[in-house]
PDB file of all heavy atoms in Angstrom:
ATOM      1  N   MET A   1      66.558  95.473  91.210  1.00  0.00           N
ATOM      2  CA  MET A   1      67.271  94.583  90.310  1.00  0.00           C
ATOM      3  C   MET A   1      66.845  93.150  90.600  1.00  0.00           C
ATOM      4  O   MET A   1      66.879  92.700  91.733  1.00  0.00           O
ATOM      5  CB  MET A   1      68.783  94.729  90.511  1.00  0.00           C
ATOM      6  CG  MET A   1      69.628  93.890  89.559  1.00  0.00           C
ATOM      7  SD  MET A   1      71.398  94.093  89.889  1.00  0.00           S
ATOM      8  CE  MET A   1      71.637  95.795  89.444  1.00  0.00           C
ATOM      9  N   SER A   2      66.451  92.426  89.614  1.00  0.00           N
ATOM     10  CA  SER A   2      65.986  91.053  89.802  1.00  0.00           C
ATOM     11  C   SER A   2      67.111  90.076  89.565  1.00  0.00           C
ATOM     12  O   SER A   2      68.093  90.362  88.884  1.00  0.00           O
ATOM     13  CB  SER A   2      64.847  90.744  88.836  1.00  0.00           C
ATOM     14  OG  SER A   2      65.319  90.768  87.505  1.00  0.00           O
ATOM     15  N   ALA A   3      66.943  88.866  90.096  1.00  0.00           N
ATOM     16  CA  ALA A   3      67.978  87.849  89.971  1.00  0.00           C
ATOM     17  C   ALA A   3      68.201  87.468  88.528  1.00  0.00           C
ATOM     18  O   ALA A   3      69.295  87.090  88.127  1.00  0.00           O
ATOM     19  CB  ALA A   3      67.594  86.618  90.795  1.00  0.00           C
ATOM     20  N   THR A   4      67.173  87.568  87.687  1.00  0.00           N
ATOM     21  CA  THR A   4      67.307  87.133  86.290  1.00  0.00           C
ATOM     22  C   THR A   4      68.123  88.107  85.459  1.00  0.00           C
ATOM     23  O   THR A   4      68.500  87.803  84.336  1.00  0.00           O
ATOM     24  CB  THR A   4      65.916  86.988  85.676  1.00  0.00           C
ATOM     25  OG1 THR A   4      65.211  88.235  85.789  1.00  0.00           O
ATOM     26  CG2 THR A   4      65.124  85.896  86.387  1.00  0.00           C
ATOM     27  N   SER A   5      68.411  89.302  85.996  1.00  0.00           N
ATOM     28  CA  SER A   5      69.139  90.302  85.210  1.00  0.00           C
ATOM     29  C   SER A   5      70.644  90.176  85.319  1.00  0.00           C
ATOM     30  O   SER A   5      71.367  90.910  84.670  1.00  0.00           O
ATOM     31  CB  SER A   5      68.704  91.704  85.650  1.00  0.00           C
ATOM     32  OG  SER A   5      69.141  91.955  86.972  1.00  0.00           O
ATOM     33  N   TYR A   6      71.136  89.256  86.171  1.00  0.00           N
ATOM     34  CA  TYR A   6      72.570  89.144  86.366  1.00  0.00           C
ATOM     35  C   TYR A   6      73.220  88.449  85.180  1.00  0.00           C
ATOM     36  O   TYR A   6      72.793  87.382  84.747  1.00  0.00           O
ATOM     37  CB  TYR A   6      72.884  88.354  87.643  1.00  0.00           C
ATOM     38  CG  TYR A   6      72.383  89.036  88.898  1.00  0.00           C
ATOM     39  CD1 TYR A   6      71.521  88.366  89.766  1.00  0.00           C
ATOM     40  CD2 TYR A   6      72.757  90.331  89.204  1.00  0.00           C
ATOM     41  CE1 TYR A   6      71.052  88.980  90.907  1.00  0.00           C
ATOM     42  CE2 TYR A   6      72.290  90.949  90.341  1.00  0.00           C
ATOM     43  CZ  TYR A   6      71.433  90.274  91.187  1.00  0.00           C
ATOM     44  OH  TYR A   6      70.969  90.886  92.312  1.00  0.00           O
ATOM     45  N   ALA A   7      74.274  89.070  84.626  1.00  0.00           N
ATOM     46  CA  ALA A   7      75.011  88.477  83.511  1.00  0.00           C
ATOM     47  C   ALA A   7      76.197  87.655  83.994  1.00  0.00           C
ATOM     48  O   ALA A   7      76.849  86.989  83.204  1.00  0.00           O
ATOM     49  CB  ALA A   7      75.486  89.580  82.573  1.00  0.00           C
ATOM     50  N   THR A   8      76.494  87.719  85.272  1.00  0.00           N
ATOM     51  CA  THR A   8      77.631  86.985  85.838  1.00  0.00           C
ATOM     52  C   THR A   8      77.140  85.744  86.569  1.00  0.00           C
ATOM     53  O   THR A   8      75.955  85.626  86.879  1.00  0.00           O
ATOM     54  CB  THR A   8      78.390  87.881  86.837  1.00  0.00           C
ATOM     55  OG1 THR A   8      77.484  88.260  87.880  1.00  0.00           O
ATOM     56  CG2 THR A   8      78.917  89.133  86.156  1.00  0.00           C
ATOM     57  N   PRO A   9      78.028  84.785  86.840  1.00  0.00           N
ATOM     58  CA  PRO A   9      77.631  83.621  87.639  1.00  0.00           C
ATOM     59  C   PRO A   9      77.065  84.074  88.977  1.00  0.00           C
ATOM     60  O   PRO A   9      77.522  85.048  89.562  1.00  0.00           O
ATOM     61  CB  PRO A   9      78.946  82.864  87.824  1.00  0.00           C
ATOM     62  CG  PRO A   9      79.811  83.305  86.693  1.00  0.00           C
ATOM     63  CD  PRO A   9      79.427  84.721  86.414  1.00  0.00           C
ATOM     64  N   VAL A  10      76.060  83.353  89.471  1.00  0.00           N
ATOM     65  CA  VAL A  10      75.374  83.735  90.696  1.00  0.00           C
ATOM     66  C   VAL A  10      75.563  82.665  91.765  1.00  0.00           C
ATOM     67  O   VAL A  10      75.367  81.475  91.506  1.00  0.00           O
ATOM     68  CB  VAL A  10      73.865  83.960  90.452  1.00  0.00           C
ATOM     69  CG1 VAL A  10      73.158  84.317  91.763  1.00  0.00           C
ATOM     70  CG2 VAL A  10      73.645  85.058  89.422  1.00  0.00           C
ATOM     71  N   LEU A  11      75.966  83.104  92.955  1.00  0.00           N
ATOM     72  CA  LEU A  11      76.048  82.229  94.112  1.00  0.00           C
ATOM     73  C   LEU A  11      75.026  82.699  95.133  1.00  0.00           C
ATOM     74  O   LEU A  11      74.816  83.906  95.300  1.00  0.00           O
ATOM     75  CB  LEU A  11      77.451  82.276  94.732  1.00  0.00           C
ATOM     76  CG  LEU A  11      78.617  81.783  93.878  1.00  0.00           C
ATOM     77  CD1 LEU A  11      79.936  82.035  94.620  1.00  0.00           C
ATOM     78  CD2 LEU A  11      78.475  80.309  93.549  1.00  0.00           C
ATOM     79  N   ASP A  12      74.417  81.756  95.814  1.00  0.00           N
ATOM     80  CA  ASP A  12      73.451  82.097  96.852  1.00  0.00           C
ATOM     81  C   ASP A  12      73.984  81.691  98.215  1.00  0.00           C
ATOM     82  O   ASP A  12      74.605  80.632  98.368  1.00  0.00           O
ATOM     83  CB  ASP A  12      72.113  81.387  96.593  1.00  0.00           C
ATOM     84  CG  ASP A  12      71.375  81.970  95.405  1.00  0.00           C
ATOM     85  OD1 ASP A  12      71.096  83.178  95.415  1.00  0.00           O
ATOM     86  OD2 ASP A  12      71.092  81.208  94.444  1.00  0.00           O
ATOM     87  N   CYS A  13      73.765  82.552  99.214  1.00  0.00           N
ATOM     88  CA  CYS A  13      74.130  82.235 100.585  1.00  0.00           C
ATOM     89  C   CYS A  13      73.189  82.980 101.516  1.00  0.00           C
ATOM     90  O   CYS A  13      72.314  83.731 101.067  1.00  0.00           O
ATOM     91  CB  CYS A  13      75.589  82.608 100.872  1.00  0.00           C
ATOM     92  SG  CYS A  13      75.925  84.386 100.830  1.00  0.00           S
ATOM     93  N   ASP A  14      73.363  82.763 102.781  1.00  0.00           N
ATOM     94  CA  ASP A  14      72.561  83.497 103.763  1.00  0.00           C
ATOM     95  C   ASP A  14      73.250  84.791 104.201  1.00  0.00           C
ATOM     96  O   ASP A  14      72.597  85.813 104.394  1.00  0.00           O
ATOM     97  CB  ASP A  14      72.304  82.615 104.992  1.00  0.00           C
ATOM     98  CG  ASP A  14      71.443  81.414 104.661  1.00  0.00           C
ATOM     99  OD1 ASP A  14      70.451  81.584 103.942  1.00  0.00           O
ATOM    100  OD2 ASP A  14      71.793  80.308 105.098  1.00  0.00           O
ATOM    101  N   LEU A  15      74.581  84.718 104.372  1.00  0.00           N
ATOM    102  CA  LEU A  15      75.327  85.894 104.836  1.00  0.00           C
ATOM    103  C   LEU A  15      76.624  86.004 104.063  1.00  0.00           C
ATOM    104  O   LEU A  15      77.383  85.029 103.961  1.00  0.00           O
ATOM    105  CB  LEU A  15      75.624  85.785 106.333  1.00  0.00           C
ATOM    106  CG  LEU A  15      76.255  87.023 106.983  1.00  0.00           C
ATOM    107  CD1 LEU A  15      75.260  88.193 107.004  1.00  0.00           C
ATOM    108  CD2 LEU A  15      76.717  86.726 108.414  1.00  0.00           C
ATOM    109  N   LEU A  16      76.872  87.189 103.521  1.00  0.00           N
ATOM    110  CA  LEU A  16      78.129  87.484 102.841  1.00  0.00           C
ATOM    111  C   LEU A  16      78.958  88.386 103.739  1.00  0.00           C
ATOM    112  O   LEU A  16      78.489  89.450 104.158  1.00  0.00           O
ATOM    113  CB  LEU A  16      77.870  88.173 101.495  1.00  0.00           C
ATOM    114  CG  LEU A  16      79.108  88.717 100.770  1.00  0.00           C
ATOM    115  CD1 LEU A  16      80.070  87.593 100.389  1.00  0.00           C
ATOM    116  CD2 LEU A  16      78.688  89.513  99.520  1.00  0.00           C
ATOM    117  N   VAL A  17      80.167  87.963 104.036  1.00  0.00           N
ATOM    118  CA  VAL A  17      81.091  88.754 104.843  1.00  0.00           C
ATOM    119  C   VAL A  17      82.221  89.211 103.936  1.00  0.00           C
ATOM    120  O   VAL A  17      82.875  88.385 103.289  1.00  0.00           O
ATOM    121  CB  VAL A  17      81.646  87.932 106.023  1.00  0.00           C
ATOM    122  CG1 VAL A  17      82.646  88.759 106.813  1.00  0.00           C
ATOM    123  CG2 VAL A  17      80.522  87.451 106.921  1.00  0.00           C
ATOM    124  N   ILE A  18      82.449  90.508 103.889  1.00  0.00           N
ATOM    125  CA  ILE A  18      83.504  91.057 103.035  1.00  0.00           C
ATOM    126  C   ILE A  18      84.665  91.460 103.924  1.00  0.00           C
ATOM    127  O   ILE A  18      84.604  92.457 104.647  1.00  0.00           O
ATOM    128  CB  ILE A  18      82.972  92.242 102.209  1.00  0.00           C
ATOM    129  CG1 ILE A  18      81.773  91.808 101.364  1.00  0.00           C
ATOM    130  CG2 ILE A  18      84.070  92.797 101.306  1.00  0.00           C
ATOM    131  CD1 ILE A  18      81.108  92.943 100.595  1.00  0.00           C
ATOM    132  N   GLY A  19      85.733  90.670 103.902  1.00  0.00           N
ATOM    133  CA  GLY A  19      86.894  90.873 104.752  1.00  0.00           C
ATOM    134  C   GLY A  19      87.100  89.695 105.676  1.00  0.00           C
ATOM    135  O   GLY A  19      86.130  89.084 106.149  1.00  0.00           O
ATOM    136  N   SER A  20      88.372  89.361 105.949  1.00  0.00           N
ATOM    137  CA  SER A  20      88.661  88.132 106.693  1.00  0.00           C
ATOM    138  C   SER A  20      89.553  88.356 107.907  1.00  0.00           C
ATOM    139  O   SER A  20      90.316  87.478 108.296  1.00  0.00           O
ATOM    140  CB  SER A  20      89.318  87.099 105.760  1.00  0.00           C
ATOM    141  OG  SER A  20      90.579  87.567 105.287  1.00  0.00           O
ATOM    142  N   GLY A  21      89.457  89.538 108.520  1.00  0.00           N
ATOM    143  CA  GLY A  21      90.112  89.750 109.800  1.00  0.00           C
ATOM    144  C   GLY A  21      89.233  89.235 110.923  1.00  0.00           C
ATOM    145  O   GLY A  21      88.250  88.513 110.704  1.00  0.00           O
ATOM    146  N   ALA A  22      89.557  89.620 112.152  1.00  0.00           N
ATOM    147  CA  ALA A  22      88.831  89.104 113.308  1.00  0.00           C
ATOM    148  C   ALA A  22      87.353  89.459 113.259  1.00  0.00           C
ATOM    149  O   ALA A  22      86.491  88.618 113.559  1.00  0.00           O
ATOM    150  CB  ALA A  22      89.457  89.635 114.593  1.00  0.00           C
ATOM    151  N   GLY A  23      87.016  90.701 112.900  1.00  0.00           N
ATOM    152  CA  GLY A  23      85.621  91.106 112.874  1.00  0.00           C
ATOM    153  C   GLY A  23      84.810  90.303 111.881  1.00  0.00           C
ATOM    154  O   GLY A  23      83.707  89.832 112.187  1.00  0.00           O
ATOM    155  N   GLY A  24      85.343  90.131 110.677  1.00  0.00           N
ATOM    156  CA  GLY A  24      84.630  89.371 109.655  1.00  0.00           C
ATOM    157  C   GLY A  24      84.515  87.899 109.997  1.00  0.00           C
ATOM    158  O   GLY A  24      83.439  87.295 109.858  1.00  0.00           O
ATOM    159  N   LEU A  25      85.611  87.301 110.443  1.00  0.00           N
ATOM    160  CA  LEU A  25      85.588  85.873 110.747  1.00  0.00           C
ATOM    161  C   LEU A  25      84.758  85.569 111.987  1.00  0.00           C
ATOM    162  O   LEU A  25      84.146  84.501 112.089  1.00  0.00           O
ATOM    163  CB  LEU A  25      87.007  85.343 110.901  1.00  0.00           C
ATOM    164  CG  LEU A  25      87.834  85.286 109.609  1.00  0.00           C
ATOM    165  CD1 LEU A  25      89.228  84.750 109.887  1.00  0.00           C
ATOM    166  CD2 LEU A  25      87.146  84.435 108.538  1.00  0.00           C
ATOM    167  N   SER A  26      84.723  86.470 112.957  1.00  0.00           N
ATOM    168  CA  SER A  26      83.852  86.277 114.111  1.00  0.00           C
ATOM    169  C   SER A  26      82.401  86.187 113.661  1.00  0.00           C
ATOM    170  O   SER A  26      81.646  85.294 114.091  1.00  0.00           O
ATOM    171  CB  SER A  26      84.019  87.427 115.111  1.00  0.00           C
ATOM    172  OG  SER A  26      83.065  87.352 116.154  1.00  0.00           O
ATOM    173  N   ALA A  27      81.993  87.107 112.789  1.00  0.00           N
ATOM    174  CA  ALA A  27      80.626  87.078 112.269  1.00  0.00           C
ATOM    175  C   ALA A  27      80.376  85.811 111.465  1.00  0.00           C
ATOM    176  O   ALA A  27      79.324  85.174 111.590  1.00  0.00           O
ATOM    177  CB  ALA A  27      80.372  88.319 111.416  1.00  0.00           C
ATOM    178  N   ALA A  28      81.344  85.428 110.634  1.00  0.00           N
ATOM    179  CA  ALA A  28      81.172  84.268 109.772  1.00  0.00           C
ATOM    180  C   ALA A  28      81.023  82.984 110.575  1.00  0.00           C
ATOM    181  O   ALA A  28      80.132  82.161 110.319  1.00  0.00           O
ATOM    182  CB  ALA A  28      82.353  84.165 108.814  1.00  0.00           C
ATOM    183  N   VAL A  29      81.898  82.780 111.558  1.00  0.00           N
ATOM    184  CA  VAL A  29      81.855  81.551 112.351  1.00  0.00           C
ATOM    185  C   VAL A  29      80.583  81.500 113.188  1.00  0.00           C
ATOM    186  O   VAL A  29      79.916  80.458 113.279  1.00  0.00           O
ATOM    187  CB  VAL A  29      83.106  81.446 113.248  1.00  0.00           C
ATOM    188  CG1 VAL A  29      83.001  80.259 114.201  1.00  0.00           C
ATOM    189  CG2 VAL A  29      84.359  81.317 112.389  1.00  0.00           C
ATOM    190  N   THR A  30      80.231  82.626 113.804  1.00  0.00           N
ATOM    191  CA  THR A  30      79.012  82.655 114.609  1.00  0.00           C
ATOM    192  C   THR A  30      77.796  82.347 113.746  1.00  0.00           C
ATOM    193  O   THR A  30      76.933  81.535 114.124  1.00  0.00           O
ATOM    194  CB  THR A  30      78.842  84.028 115.283  1.00  0.00           C
ATOM    195  OG1 THR A  30      80.007  84.334 116.056  1.00  0.00           O
ATOM    196  CG2 THR A  30      77.629  84.037 116.185  1.00  0.00           C
ATOM    197  N   ALA A  31      77.690  82.981 112.585  1.00  0.00           N
ATOM    198  CA  ALA A  31      76.547  82.763 111.701  1.00  0.00           C
ATOM    199  C   ALA A  31      76.470  81.312 111.252  1.00  0.00           C
ATOM    200  O   ALA A  31      75.371  80.739 111.187  1.00  0.00           O
ATOM    201  CB  ALA A  31      76.650  83.691 110.487  1.00  0.00           C
ATOM    202  N   ALA A  32      77.604  80.710 110.943  1.00  0.00           N
ATOM    203  CA  ALA A  32      77.607  79.305 110.521  1.00  0.00           C
ATOM    204  C   ALA A  32      77.092  78.404 111.636  1.00  0.00           C
ATOM    205  O   ALA A  32      76.349  77.443 111.383  1.00  0.00           O
ATOM    206  CB  ALA A  32      79.011  78.899 110.095  1.00  0.00           C
ATOM    207  N   HIS A  33      77.468  78.703 112.869  1.00  0.00           N
ATOM    208  CA  HIS A  33      76.976  77.908 113.998  1.00  0.00           C
ATOM    209  C   HIS A  33      75.491  78.138 114.243  1.00  0.00           C
ATOM    210  O   HIS A  33      74.824  77.284 114.857  1.00  0.00           O
ATOM    211  CB  HIS A  33      77.784  78.229 115.255  1.00  0.00           C
ATOM    212  CG  HIS A  33      79.040  77.436 115.369  1.00  0.00           C
ATOM    213  ND1 HIS A  33      79.111  76.220 115.996  1.00  0.00           N
ATOM    214  CD2 HIS A  33      80.283  77.685 114.880  1.00  0.00           C
ATOM    215  CE1 HIS A  33      80.342  75.742 115.914  1.00  0.00           C
ATOM    216  NE2 HIS A  33      81.075  76.612 115.248  1.00  0.00           N
ATOM    217  N   LEU A  34      74.969  79.265 113.776  1.00  0.00           N
ATOM    218  CA  LEU A  34      73.538  79.534 113.906  1.00  0.00           C
ATOM    219  C   LEU A  34      72.745  78.976 112.730  1.00  0.00           C
ATOM    220  O   LEU A  34      71.553  79.222 112.611  1.00  0.00           O
ATOM    221  CB  LEU A  34      73.298  81.042 114.027  1.00  0.00           C
ATOM    222  CG  LEU A  34      73.842  81.697 115.308  1.00  0.00           C
ATOM    223  CD1 LEU A  34      73.700  83.208 115.235  1.00  0.00           C
ATOM    224  CD2 LEU A  34      73.133  81.150 116.545  1.00  0.00           C
ATOM    225  N   GLY A  35      73.432  78.239 111.867  1.00  0.00           N
ATOM    226  CA  GLY A  35      72.760  77.556 110.772  1.00  0.00           C
ATOM    227  C   GLY A  35      72.757  78.279 109.452  1.00  0.00           C
ATOM    228  O   GLY A  35      72.103  77.819 108.498  1.00  0.00           O
ATOM    229  N   LEU A  36      73.483  79.391 109.331  1.00  0.00           N
ATOM    230  CA  LEU A  36      73.498  80.133 108.073  1.00  0.00           C
ATOM    231  C   LEU A  36      74.592  79.619 107.138  1.00  0.00           C
ATOM    232  O   LEU A  36      75.662  79.185 107.572  1.00  0.00           O
ATOM    233  CB  LEU A  36      73.721  81.624 108.334  1.00  0.00           C
ATOM    234  CG  LEU A  36      72.716  82.347 109.238  1.00  0.00           C
ATOM    235  CD1 LEU A  36      72.954  83.855 109.172  1.00  0.00           C
ATOM    236  CD2 LEU A  36      71.286  82.004 108.873  1.00  0.00           C
ATOM    237  N   LYS A  37      74.306  79.696 105.846  1.00  0.00           N
ATOM    238  CA  LYS A  37      75.310  79.420 104.825  1.00  0.00           C
ATOM    239  C   LYS A  37      76.085  80.716 104.588  1.00  0.00           C
ATOM    240  O   LYS A  37      75.491  81.747 104.254  1.00  0.00           O
ATOM    241  CB  LYS A  37      74.652  78.952 103.535  1.00  0.00           C
ATOM    242  CG  LYS A  37      75.637  78.640 102.408  1.00  0.00           C
ATOM    243  CD  LYS A  37      74.911  78.219 101.142  1.00  0.00           C
ATOM    244  CE  LYS A  37      75.897  77.945 100.007  1.00  0.00           C
ATOM    245  NZ  LYS A  37      75.176  77.583  98.755  1.00  0.00           N
ATOM    246  N   VAL A  38      77.418  80.658 104.752  1.00  0.00           N
ATOM    247  CA  VAL A  38      78.222  81.877 104.779  1.00  0.00           C
ATOM    248  C   VAL A  38      79.314  81.843 103.712  1.00  0.00           C
ATOM    249  O   VAL A  38      79.977  80.821 103.521  1.00  0.00           O
ATOM    250  CB  VAL A  38      78.875  82.075 106.165  1.00  0.00           C
ATOM    251  CG1 VAL A  38      79.677  83.383 106.209  1.00  0.00           C
ATOM    252  CG2 VAL A  38      77.828  82.059 107.266  1.00  0.00           C
ATOM    253  N   ILE A  39      79.487  82.976 103.041  1.00  0.00           N
ATOM    254  CA  ILE A  39      80.612  83.192 102.133  1.00  0.00           C
ATOM    255  C   ILE A  39      81.421  84.363 102.668  1.00  0.00           C
ATOM    256  O   ILE A  39      80.863  85.398 103.052  1.00  0.00           O
ATOM    257  CB  ILE A  39      80.145  83.482 100.696  1.00  0.00           C
ATOM    258  CG1 ILE A  39      79.479  82.243 100.083  1.00  0.00           C
ATOM    259  CG2 ILE A  39      81.324  83.931  99.819  1.00  0.00           C
ATOM    260  CD1 ILE A  39      78.897  82.488  98.699  1.00  0.00           C
ATOM    261  N   VAL A  40      82.740  84.193 102.729  1.00  0.00           N
ATOM    262  CA  VAL A  40      83.656  85.275 103.094  1.00  0.00           C
ATOM    263  C   VAL A  40      84.453  85.653 101.858  1.00  0.00           C
ATOM    264  O   VAL A  40      85.088  84.789 101.236  1.00  0.00           O
ATOM    265  CB  VAL A  40      84.613  84.847 104.231  1.00  0.00           C
ATOM    266  CG1 VAL A  40      85.639  85.954 104.506  1.00  0.00           C
ATOM    267  CG2 VAL A  40      83.838  84.521 105.494  1.00  0.00           C
ATOM    268  N   ALA A  41      84.425  86.929 101.496  1.00  0.00           N
ATOM    269  CA  ALA A  41      85.163  87.431 100.334  1.00  0.00           C
ATOM    270  C   ALA A  41      86.343  88.264 100.817  1.00  0.00           C
ATOM    271  O   ALA A  41      86.152  89.275 101.496  1.00  0.00           O
ATOM    272  CB  ALA A  41      84.250  88.269  99.446  1.00  0.00           C
ATOM    273  N   GLU A  42      87.547  87.828 100.479  1.00  0.00           N
ATOM    274  CA  GLU A  42      88.761  88.529 100.870  1.00  0.00           C
ATOM    275  C   GLU A  42      89.447  89.105  99.630  1.00  0.00           C
ATOM    276  O   GLU A  42      89.692  88.398  98.657  1.00  0.00           O
ATOM    277  CB  GLU A  42      89.706  87.587 101.616  1.00  0.00           C
ATOM    278  CG  GLU A  42      91.108  88.124 101.841  1.00  0.00           C
ATOM    279  CD  GLU A  42      91.141  89.460 102.563  1.00  0.00           C
ATOM    280  OE1 GLU A  42      90.450  89.585 103.605  1.00  0.00           O
ATOM    281  OE2 GLU A  42      91.840  90.380 102.085  1.00  0.00           O
ATOM    282  N   LYS A  43      89.771  90.370  99.701  1.00  0.00           N
ATOM    283  CA  LYS A  43      90.408  91.067  98.585  1.00  0.00           C
ATOM    284  C   LYS A  43      91.805  90.534  98.276  1.00  0.00           C
ATOM    285  O   LYS A  43      92.185  90.364  97.117  1.00  0.00           O
ATOM    286  CB  LYS A  43      90.463  92.557  98.927  1.00  0.00           C
ATOM    287  CG  LYS A  43      91.280  93.438  98.017  1.00  0.00           C
ATOM    288  CD  LYS A  43      91.278  94.849  98.602  1.00  0.00           C
ATOM    289  CE  LYS A  43      92.078  95.821  97.756  1.00  0.00           C
ATOM    290  NZ  LYS A  43      92.045  97.187  98.350  1.00  0.00           N
TER     291      LYS A  43
END
């Protein structure tokens, strides 16, 4: 699937974390400190 085929708005990041408990936020904070752009998606 190519990026041009998306019919919905597109966001770009380095790491997507799905869930915002300790496991997800630990990964998110660590990745951000390592220079990654991070999005956390919470249901």
